[in-house]
Amino acid sequence: MAKVNKRKKVKNSFVVLVFCLVINAVIMYSIGSIFTNVYYKNKEKQQLNDKLVLLKEQGEALRVEAKKLQDPEYVARYAREKYLYSGEDEYVIRIP
């Protein structure tokens, strides 16, 4: 009978050990998954912050350009340079 009790204890200990290992594996997998998600979210956040800075710079440049376009002299000069328009008594000579 002592032999049977000893086997039963060993068997119960083995079952508890396997159960603990399975629970431990599930917990470790969950923690690893959470850390992976946090890492990728931080990486995405950094990329979006960089994009935000770039877009703010572009927005500021566009605001400056819009302000310049309010000036008729600037618009005339811009049209002459970019679109080869000529003013009164002017000729456009294109040099390749």
N, C-alpha and C. Protein backbone atom coordinates (compact mmCIF):
# COMPACT_ATOMS: atom_id res chain seq x y z
N MET A 1 0.80 -1.17 0.00
CA MET A 1 0.00 0.00 0.00
C MET A 1 0.86 1.27 0.00
N ALA A 2 1.98 1.23 0.65
CA ALA A 2 2.89 2.37 0.68
C ALA A 2 3.43 2.63 -0.72
N LYS A 3 3.63 1.53 -1.47
CA LYS A 3 4.13 1.66 -2.83
C LYS A 3 3.09 2.35 -3.71
N VAL A 4 1.84 2.02 -3.52
CA VAL A 4 0.74 2.60 -4.30
C VAL A 4 0.60 4.09 -3.97
N ASN A 5 0.71 4.45 -2.69
CA ASN A 5 0.62 5.85 -2.28
C ASN A 5 1.78 6.67 -2.85
N LYS A 6 2.96 6.04 -2.87
CA LYS A 6 4.14 6.74 -3.40
C LYS A 6 3.96 7.00 -4.90
N ARG A 7 3.45 6.00 -5.64
CA ARG A 7 3.21 6.18 -7.07
C ARG A 7 2.15 7.25 -7.31
N LYS A 8 1.13 7.23 -6.48
CA LYS A 8 0.06 8.20 -6.61
C LYS A 8 0.58 9.62 -6.36
N LYS A 9 1.46 9.77 -5.37
CA LYS A 9 2.05 11.07 -5.08
C LYS A 9 2.93 11.54 -6.23
N VAL A 10 3.73 10.62 -6.77
CA VAL A 10 4.60 10.96 -7.89
C VAL A 10 3.76 11.35 -9.10
N LYS A 11 2.70 10.59 -9.36
CA LYS A 11 1.81 10.88 -10.48
C LYS A 11 1.13 12.24 -10.30
N ASN A 12 0.65 12.51 -9.10
CA ASN A 12 0.00 13.79 -8.81
C ASN A 12 1.00 14.95 -8.95
N SER A 13 2.22 14.74 -8.48
CA SER A 13 3.27 15.76 -8.60
C SER A 13 3.58 16.03 -10.06
N PHE A 14 3.63 14.98 -10.86
CA PHE A 14 3.90 15.11 -12.30
C PHE A 14 2.77 15.90 -12.99
N VAL A 15 1.54 15.60 -12.65
CA VAL A 15 0.39 16.29 -13.24
C VAL A 15 0.43 17.78 -12.86
N VAL A 16 0.71 18.05 -11.60
CA VAL A 16 0.79 19.44 -11.14
C VAL A 16 1.94 20.16 -11.86
N LEU A 17 3.08 19.49 -12.01
CA LEU A 17 4.23 20.07 -12.70
C LEU A 17 3.89 20.40 -14.15
N VAL A 18 3.27 19.47 -14.86
CA VAL A 18 2.88 19.70 -16.25
C VAL A 18 1.88 20.86 -16.33
N PHE A 19 0.91 20.88 -15.43
CA PHE A 19 -0.08 21.95 -15.40
C PHE A 19 0.61 23.30 -15.18
N CYS A 20 1.53 23.36 -14.26
CA CYS A 20 2.26 24.61 -13.98
C CYS A 20 3.09 25.04 -15.19
N LEU A 21 3.72 24.08 -15.87
CA LEU A 21 4.51 24.41 -17.06
C LEU A 21 3.63 24.96 -18.18
N VAL A 22 2.46 24.38 -18.35
CA VAL A 22 1.54 24.85 -19.38
C VAL A 22 1.07 26.27 -19.05
N ILE A 23 0.69 26.50 -17.80
CA ILE A 23 0.26 27.83 -17.39
C ILE A 23 1.40 28.83 -17.57
N ASN A 24 2.60 28.44 -17.19
CA ASN A 24 3.78 29.30 -17.34
C ASN A 24 4.02 29.63 -18.82
N ALA A 25 3.90 28.65 -19.70
CA ALA A 25 4.10 28.88 -21.13
C ALA A 25 3.06 29.85 -21.68
N VAL A 26 1.82 29.69 -21.27
CA VAL A 26 0.75 30.60 -21.73
C VAL A 26 1.02 32.01 -21.25
N ILE A 27 1.41 32.18 -20.02
CA ILE A 27 1.70 33.50 -19.47
C ILE A 27 2.89 34.13 -20.20
N MET A 28 3.94 33.38 -20.42
CA MET A 28 5.12 33.90 -21.11
C MET A 28 4.77 34.30 -22.55
N TYR A 29 3.95 33.50 -23.23
CA TYR A 29 3.53 33.83 -24.59
C TYR A 29 2.72 35.13 -24.59
N SER A 30 1.84 35.27 -23.63
CA SER A 30 1.02 36.49 -23.54
C SER A 30 1.89 37.72 -23.29
N ILE A 31 2.83 37.61 -22.38
CA ILE A 31 3.73 38.72 -22.09
C ILE A 31 4.57 39.08 -23.31
N GLY A 32 5.09 38.06 -23.99
CA GLY A 32 5.86 38.30 -25.21
C GLY A 32 5.03 38.98 -26.28
N SER A 33 3.81 38.55 -26.43
CA SER A 33 2.90 39.16 -27.41
C SER A 33 2.62 40.62 -27.06
N ILE A 34 2.41 40.91 -25.81
CA ILE A 34 2.15 42.28 -25.38
C ILE A 34 3.38 43.16 -25.64
N PHE A 35 4.57 42.68 -25.29
CA PHE A 35 5.78 43.47 -25.52
C PHE A 35 6.02 43.69 -27.01
N THR A 36 5.72 42.70 -27.84
CA THR A 36 5.87 42.85 -29.28
C THR A 36 4.93 43.93 -29.80
N ASN A 37 3.69 43.89 -29.34
CA ASN A 37 2.72 44.90 -29.76
C ASN A 37 3.14 46.29 -29.32
N VAL A 38 3.64 46.42 -28.10
CA VAL A 38 4.09 47.72 -27.60
C VAL A 38 5.26 48.23 -28.44
N TYR A 39 6.19 47.36 -28.78
CA TYR A 39 7.34 47.74 -29.60
C TYR A 39 6.89 48.28 -30.95
N TYR A 40 6.01 47.54 -31.62
CA TYR A 40 5.55 47.97 -32.94
C TYR A 40 4.71 49.25 -32.87
N LYS A 41 3.94 49.40 -31.82
CA LYS A 41 3.15 50.63 -31.66
C LYS A 41 4.06 51.82 -31.44
N ASN A 42 5.12 51.65 -30.64
CA ASN A 42 6.08 52.75 -30.43
C ASN A 42 6.80 53.11 -31.72
N LYS A 43 7.15 52.09 -32.50
CA LYS A 43 7.81 52.31 -33.78
C LYS A 43 6.86 53.07 -34.73
N GLU A 44 5.61 52.66 -34.77
CA GLU A 44 4.62 53.34 -35.61
C GLU A 44 4.40 54.78 -35.13
N LYS A 45 4.38 54.97 -33.83
CA LYS A 45 4.21 56.32 -33.26
C LYS A 45 5.35 57.22 -33.69
N GLN A 46 6.58 56.70 -33.65
CA GLN A 46 7.75 57.49 -34.05
C GLN A 46 7.66 57.88 -35.52
N GLN A 47 7.25 56.92 -36.36
CA GLN A 47 7.11 57.22 -37.79
C GLN A 47 6.04 58.27 -38.02
N LEU A 48 4.93 58.17 -37.31
CA LEU A 48 3.85 59.14 -37.47
C LEU A 48 4.26 60.51 -36.95
N ASN A 49 5.05 60.55 -35.88
CA ASN A 49 5.56 61.84 -35.37
C ASN A 49 6.48 62.49 -36.40
N ASP A 50 7.34 61.68 -37.03
CA ASP A 50 8.22 62.21 -38.07
C ASP A 50 7.40 62.75 -39.24
N LYS A 51 6.37 62.02 -39.61
CA LYS A 51 5.50 62.46 -40.71
C LYS A 51 4.77 63.74 -40.32
N LEU A 52 4.35 63.84 -39.07
CA LEU A 52 3.66 65.05 -38.60
C LEU A 52 4.58 66.26 -38.69
N VAL A 53 5.83 66.10 -38.28
CA VAL A 53 6.79 67.21 -38.36
C VAL A 53 6.97 67.64 -39.81
N LEU A 54 7.11 66.67 -40.71
CA LEU A 54 7.27 66.97 -42.13
C LEU A 54 6.05 67.71 -42.67
N LEU A 55 4.86 67.23 -42.31
CA LEU A 55 3.64 67.88 -42.80
C LEU A 55 3.47 69.29 -42.23
N LYS A 56 3.88 69.49 -40.98
CA LYS A 56 3.82 70.84 -40.40
C LYS A 56 4.76 71.78 -41.14
N GLU A 57 5.95 71.29 -41.49
CA GLU A 57 6.90 72.11 -42.25
C GLU A 57 6.33 72.44 -43.62
N GLN A 58 5.72 71.45 -44.28
CA GLN A 58 5.12 71.70 -45.59
C GLN A 58 3.96 72.69 -45.47
N GLY A 59 3.17 72.56 -44.42
CA GLY A 59 2.05 73.47 -44.21
C GLY A 59 2.53 74.90 -44.01
N GLU A 60 3.61 75.05 -43.25
CA GLU A 60 4.17 76.38 -43.03
C GLU A 60 4.68 76.96 -44.34
N ALA A 61 5.35 76.13 -45.14
CA ALA A 61 5.85 76.60 -46.44
C ALA A 61 4.68 77.02 -47.34
N LEU A 62 3.60 76.27 -47.30
CA LEU A 62 2.43 76.62 -48.11
C LEU A 62 1.77 77.91 -47.62
N ARG A 63 1.75 78.12 -46.30
CA ARG A 63 1.20 79.37 -45.77
C ARG A 63 2.04 80.57 -46.22
N VAL A 64 3.36 80.41 -46.20
CA VAL A 64 4.25 81.49 -46.65
C VAL A 64 4.02 81.75 -48.13
N GLU A 65 3.90 80.69 -48.92
CA GLU A 65 3.67 80.84 -50.36
C GLU A 65 2.33 81.51 -50.62
N ALA A 66 1.30 81.13 -49.87
CA ALA A 66 -0.02 81.75 -50.03
C ALA A 66 0.04 83.24 -49.68
N LYS A 67 0.78 83.57 -48.67
CA LYS A 67 0.93 84.98 -48.29
C LYS A 67 1.64 85.76 -49.39
N LYS A 68 2.66 85.14 -49.98
CA LYS A 68 3.38 85.80 -51.07
C LYS A 68 2.48 86.00 -52.29
N LEU A 69 1.59 85.04 -52.53
CA LEU A 69 0.71 85.13 -53.69
C LEU A 69 -0.33 86.23 -53.56
N GLN A 70 -0.44 86.84 -52.41
CA GLN A 70 -1.34 87.98 -52.23
C GLN A 70 -0.77 89.26 -52.85
N ASP A 71 0.54 89.25 -53.06
CA ASP A 71 1.23 90.41 -53.63
C ASP A 71 1.18 90.34 -55.16
N PRO A 72 0.59 91.32 -55.85
CA PRO A 72 0.48 91.27 -57.32
C PRO A 72 1.84 91.27 -58.03
N GLU A 73 2.82 91.95 -57.49
CA GLU A 73 4.15 91.97 -58.10
C GLU A 73 4.78 90.58 -58.06
N TYR A 74 4.63 89.89 -56.96
CA TYR A 74 5.18 88.54 -56.83
C TYR A 74 4.49 87.60 -57.82
N VAL A 75 3.17 87.74 -57.95
CA VAL A 75 2.42 86.88 -58.87
C VAL A 75 2.89 87.11 -60.30
N ALA A 76 3.10 88.37 -60.67
CA ALA A 76 3.56 88.68 -62.02
C ALA A 76 4.95 88.09 -62.27
N ARG A 77 5.84 88.28 -61.32
CA ARG A 77 7.20 87.73 -61.47
C ARG A 77 7.18 86.20 -61.51
N TYR A 78 6.35 85.60 -60.68
CA TYR A 78 6.23 84.14 -60.63
C TYR A 78 5.73 83.61 -61.97
N ALA A 79 4.71 84.26 -62.53
CA ALA A 79 4.16 83.83 -63.83
C ALA A 79 5.20 83.97 -64.93
N ARG A 80 5.97 85.04 -64.89
CA ARG A 80 7.01 85.21 -65.90
C ARG A 80 8.07 84.12 -65.82
N GLU A 81 8.48 83.79 -64.61
CA GLU A 81 9.54 82.80 -64.44
C GLU A 81 9.06 81.38 -64.74
N LYS A 82 7.92 81.02 -64.19
CA LYS A 82 7.47 79.63 -64.30
C LYS A 82 6.77 79.34 -65.63
N TYR A 83 5.97 80.28 -66.11
CA TYR A 83 5.12 80.00 -67.27
C TYR A 83 5.49 80.82 -68.50
N LEU A 84 6.61 81.52 -68.43
CA LEU A 84 7.16 82.27 -69.55
C LEU A 84 6.18 83.30 -70.12
N TYR A 85 5.43 83.96 -69.23
CA TYR A 85 4.57 85.05 -69.66
C TYR A 85 5.41 86.31 -69.81
N SER A 86 4.94 87.17 -70.67
CA SER A 86 5.68 88.41 -70.85
C SER A 86 4.78 89.59 -70.51
N GLY A 87 5.40 90.63 -70.05
CA GLY A 87 4.68 91.86 -69.74
C GLY A 87 4.62 92.74 -70.97
N GLU A 88 4.17 93.98 -70.79
CA GLU A 88 4.13 94.92 -71.90
C GLU A 88 5.55 95.25 -72.36
N ASP A 89 5.72 95.27 -73.63
CA ASP A 89 7.02 95.59 -74.25
C ASP A 89 8.13 94.64 -73.81
N GLU A 90 7.78 93.39 -73.57
CA GLU A 90 8.77 92.38 -73.20
C GLU A 90 8.67 91.23 -74.18
N TYR A 91 9.79 90.58 -74.39
CA TYR A 91 9.83 89.41 -75.23
C TYR A 91 10.42 88.26 -74.43
N VAL A 92 9.86 87.07 -74.63
CA VAL A 92 10.37 85.89 -73.94
C VAL A 92 11.31 85.19 -74.86
N ILE A 93 12.52 85.01 -74.41
CA ILE A 93 13.53 84.28 -75.19
C ILE A 93 13.88 83.03 -74.37
N ARG A 94 13.62 81.92 -74.97
CA ARG A 94 13.88 80.65 -74.30
C ARG A 94 15.24 80.13 -74.73
N ILE A 95 16.10 79.88 -73.77
CA ILE A 95 17.43 79.35 -74.06
C ILE A 95 17.50 77.94 -73.48
N PRO A 96 17.70 76.97 -74.36
CA PRO A 96 17.76 75.57 -73.85
C PRO A 96 19.02 75.28 -73.07
